[in-house]
Amino acid sequence: PAAGAPTTIKQRHTMIGNLVARSGLRAATQTVARTQRRKMGDGPFTDAMHVKKNKYVEEWNGRREITEKAFEVGPNNLPAIFFCVFVFPFTVYTFTRRELIIKGDPRYKKSGLA
């Protein structure tokens, strides 16, 4: 509104809302600017240490990153996957459960399955 012009309550409320929003945004941007000014990697290990990268470790890390792209399920590795996902965990569960039943473990008795 022009200087000296009367304002309605709605206009005043909107102006106050804009003022509060702007001040909140300023505070938020100052907070973000403060948190982004950290010294990245300037801890106990600096470039002055002249650390050499191990090419085998770097190759292994790269291979780990693309494992999901290189992994294929086929008739050759399907039995191993089946064993690792179903047979082994079920066997461990069965023997653990049997031992709890034989020993009369209170955790098994409290579960309501005994």
C-alpha atoms as a PDB file:
ATOM      1  CA  PRO A   1       0.000   0.000   0.000  1.00  0.00           C
ATOM      2  CA  ALA A   2       0.997   3.589  -0.568  1.00  0.00           C
ATOM      3  CA  ALA A   3       2.517   5.534   2.310  1.00  0.00           C
ATOM      4  CA  GLY A   4      -0.179   6.874   4.570  1.00  0.00           C
ATOM      5  CA  ALA A   5      -2.925   4.754   2.982  1.00  0.00           C
ATOM      6  CA  PRO A   6      -5.124   2.879   5.432  1.00  0.00           C
ATOM      7  CA  THR A   7      -4.513  -0.891   5.574  1.00  0.00           C
ATOM      8  CA  THR A   8      -6.969  -3.612   6.392  1.00  0.00           C
ATOM      9  CA  ILE A   9      -6.419  -6.257   9.039  1.00  0.00           C
ATOM     10  CA  LYS A  10      -5.945  -8.867   6.318  1.00  0.00           C
ATOM     11  CA  GLN A  11      -3.214  -6.774   4.643  1.00  0.00           C
ATOM     12  CA  ARG A  12      -1.448  -6.241   7.973  1.00  0.00           C
ATOM     13  CA  HIS A  13      -1.640  -9.975   8.717  1.00  0.00           C
ATOM     14  CA  THR A  14      -0.176 -10.745   5.287  1.00  0.00           C
ATOM     15  CA  MET A  15       2.624  -8.205   5.747  1.00  0.00           C
ATOM     16  CA  ILE A  16       3.483  -9.607   9.174  1.00  0.00           C
ATOM     17  CA  GLY A  17       3.428 -13.135   7.748  1.00  0.00           C
ATOM     18  CA  ASN A  18       5.784 -12.106   4.939  1.00  0.00           C
ATOM     19  CA  LEU A  19       8.107 -10.408   7.415  1.00  0.00           C
ATOM     20  CA  VAL A  20       8.227 -13.485   9.654  1.00  0.00           C
ATOM     21  CA  ALA A  21       8.746 -15.788   6.674  1.00  0.00           C
ATOM     22  CA  ARG A  22      11.605 -13.653   5.343  1.00  0.00           C
ATOM     23  CA  SER A  23      13.329 -13.489   8.707  1.00  0.00           C
ATOM     24  CA  GLY A  24      12.929 -17.274   9.065  1.00  0.00           C
ATOM     25  CA  LEU A  25      14.418 -17.806   5.623  1.00  0.00           C
ATOM     26  CA  ARG A  26      17.332 -15.548   6.489  1.00  0.00           C
ATOM     27  CA  ALA A  27      18.005 -17.515   9.642  1.00  0.00           C
ATOM     28  CA  ALA A  28      17.762 -20.797   7.728  1.00  0.00           C
ATOM     29  CA  THR A  29      20.176 -19.658   5.018  1.00  0.00           C
ATOM     30  CA  GLN A  30      22.630 -18.443   7.638  1.00  0.00           C
ATOM     31  CA  THR A  31      22.401 -21.815   9.388  1.00  0.00           C
ATOM     32  CA  VAL A  32      23.003 -23.682   6.126  1.00  0.00           C
ATOM     33  CA  ALA A  33      25.930 -21.427   5.273  1.00  0.00           C
ATOM     34  CA  ARG A  34      27.436 -22.059   8.703  1.00  0.00           C
ATOM     35  CA  THR A  35      27.116 -25.837   8.475  1.00  0.00           C
ATOM     36  CA  GLN A  36      28.613 -25.981   4.977  1.00  0.00           C
ATOM     37  CA  ARG A  37      31.783 -24.172   5.964  1.00  0.00           C
ATOM     38  CA  ARG A  38      33.314 -27.248   7.532  1.00  0.00           C
ATOM     39  CA  LYS A  39      36.823 -28.230   6.564  1.00  0.00           C
ATOM     40  CA  MET A  40      36.280 -31.406   4.623  1.00  0.00           C
ATOM     41  CA  GLY A  41      38.965 -34.004   5.306  1.00  0.00           C
ATOM     42  CA  ASP A  42      41.157 -31.671   7.301  1.00  0.00           C
ATOM     43  CA  GLY A  43      41.252 -33.971  10.286  1.00  0.00           C
ATOM     44  CA  PRO A  44      44.204 -36.014  11.517  1.00  0.00           C
ATOM     45  CA  PHE A  45      45.067 -37.094   7.948  1.00  0.00           C
ATOM     46  CA  THR A  46      46.056 -34.300   5.585  1.00  0.00           C
ATOM     47  CA  ASP A  47      47.585 -34.146   2.110  1.00  0.00           C
ATOM     48  CA  ALA A  48      50.939 -33.478   3.726  1.00  0.00           C
ATOM     49  CA  MET A  49      51.152 -37.175   4.643  1.00  0.00           C
ATOM     50  CA  HIS A  50      51.596 -38.202   0.979  1.00  0.00           C
ATOM     51  CA  VAL A  51      49.530 -41.359   1.229  1.00  0.00           C
ATOM     52  CA  LYS A  52      49.722 -43.630  -1.823  1.00  0.00           C
ATOM     53  CA  LYS A  53      46.591 -45.431  -2.956  1.00  0.00           C
ATOM     54  CA  ASN A  54      46.818 -49.188  -3.209  1.00  0.00           C
ATOM     55  CA  LYS A  55      45.668 -50.104  -6.714  1.00  0.00           C
ATOM     56  CA  TYR A  56      44.367 -53.499  -5.584  1.00  0.00           C
ATOM     57  CA  VAL A  57      42.227 -51.964  -2.856  1.00  0.00           C
ATOM     58  CA  GLU A  58      40.873 -49.376  -5.300  1.00  0.00           C
ATOM     59  CA  GLU A  59      40.061 -52.118  -7.794  1.00  0.00           C
ATOM     60  CA  TRP A  60      38.280 -54.134  -5.099  1.00  0.00           C
ATOM     61  CA  ASN A  61      36.230 -51.094  -4.050  1.00  0.00           C
ATOM     62  CA  GLY A  62      35.230 -50.459  -7.648  1.00  0.00           C
ATOM     63  CA  ARG A  63      34.221 -54.099  -8.064  1.00  0.00           C
ATOM     64  CA  ARG A  64      32.112 -53.948  -4.908  1.00  0.00           C
ATOM     65  CA  GLU A  65      30.289 -50.885  -6.229  1.00  0.00           C
ATOM     66  CA  ILE A  66      29.208 -52.632  -9.426  1.00  0.00           C
ATOM     67  CA  THR A  67      28.433 -56.068  -7.964  1.00  0.00           C
ATOM     68  CA  GLU A  68      24.688 -55.635  -8.397  1.00  0.00           C
ATOM     69  CA  LYS A  69      25.249 -54.955 -12.101  1.00  0.00           C
ATOM     70  CA  ALA A  70      27.663 -57.862 -12.608  1.00  0.00           C
ATOM     71  CA  PHE A  71      25.709 -60.448 -10.589  1.00  0.00           C
ATOM     72  CA  GLU A  72      23.662 -62.897 -12.621  1.00  0.00           C
ATOM     73  CA  VAL A  73      21.445 -65.781 -11.514  1.00  0.00           C
ATOM     74  CA  GLY A  74      21.833 -68.871 -13.631  1.00  0.00           C
ATOM     75  CA  PRO A  75      21.661 -72.620 -13.367  1.00  0.00           C
ATOM     76  CA  ASN A  76      25.280 -72.740 -12.153  1.00  0.00           C
ATOM     77  CA  ASN A  77      24.852 -70.564  -9.052  1.00  0.00           C
ATOM     78  CA  LEU A  78      21.151 -71.214  -8.286  1.00  0.00           C
ATOM     79  CA  PRO A  79      21.858 -74.138  -5.883  1.00  0.00           C
ATOM     80  CA  ALA A  80      24.313 -71.998  -3.882  1.00  0.00           C
ATOM     81  CA  ILE A  81      21.799 -69.152  -3.648  1.00  0.00           C
ATOM     82  CA  PHE A  82      19.054 -71.564  -2.555  1.00  0.00           C
ATOM     83  CA  PHE A  83      21.332 -73.066   0.102  1.00  0.00           C
ATOM     84  CA  CYS A  84      22.418 -69.666   1.490  1.00  0.00           C
ATOM     85  CA  VAL A  85      18.936 -68.153   1.502  1.00  0.00           C
ATOM     86  CA  PHE A  86      16.729 -71.081   2.570  1.00  0.00           C
ATOM     87  CA  VAL A  87      18.517 -74.243   3.716  1.00  0.00           C
ATOM     88  CA  PHE A  88      21.212 -72.820   6.013  1.00  0.00           C
ATOM     89  CA  PRO A  89      18.979 -70.306   7.887  1.00  0.00           C
ATOM     90  CA  PHE A  90      16.230 -72.932   8.369  1.00  0.00           C
ATOM     91  CA  THR A  91      18.771 -75.450   9.674  1.00  0.00           C
ATOM     92  CA  VAL A  92      20.154 -72.953  12.196  1.00  0.00           C
ATOM     93  CA  TYR A  93      16.604 -72.087  13.294  1.00  0.00           C
ATOM     94  CA  THR A  94      15.642 -75.758  13.683  1.00  0.00           C
ATOM     95  CA  PHE A  95      18.674 -76.704  15.783  1.00  0.00           C
ATOM     96  CA  THR A  96      18.377 -73.575  17.947  1.00  0.00           C
ATOM     97  CA  ARG A  97      14.680 -74.211  18.572  1.00  0.00           C
ATOM     98  CA  ARG A  98      15.316 -77.865  19.386  1.00  0.00           C
ATOM     99  CA  GLU A  99      18.028 -76.925  21.880  1.00  0.00           C
ATOM    100  CA  LEU A 100      15.736 -74.402  23.597  1.00  0.00           C
ATOM    101  CA  ILE A 101      13.030 -77.050  23.907  1.00  0.00           C
ATOM    102  CA  ILE A 102      15.399 -79.728  25.263  1.00  0.00           C
ATOM    103  CA  LYS A 103      17.037 -77.395  27.806  1.00  0.00           C
ATOM    104  CA  GLY A 104      13.695 -75.992  28.951  1.00  0.00           C
ATOM    105  CA  ASP A 105      14.832 -72.428  28.386  1.00  0.00           C
ATOM    106  CA  PRO A 106      12.535 -69.868  30.077  1.00  0.00           C
ATOM    107  CA  ARG A 107      12.513 -67.732  26.906  1.00  0.00           C
ATOM    108  CA  TYR A 108      10.877 -70.592  25.042  1.00  0.00           C
ATOM    109  CA  LYS A 109       8.446 -71.359  27.864  1.00  0.00           C
ATOM    110  CA  LYS A 110       7.348 -67.700  28.089  1.00  0.00           C
ATOM    111  CA  SER A 111       6.722 -67.524  24.355  1.00  0.00           C
ATOM    112  CA  GLY A 112       3.619 -69.720  24.676  1.00  0.00           C
ATOM    113  CA  LEU A 113       4.837 -72.261  22.116  1.00  0.00           C
ATOM    114  CA  ALA A 114       5.885 -74.867  24.690  1.00  0.00           C
END
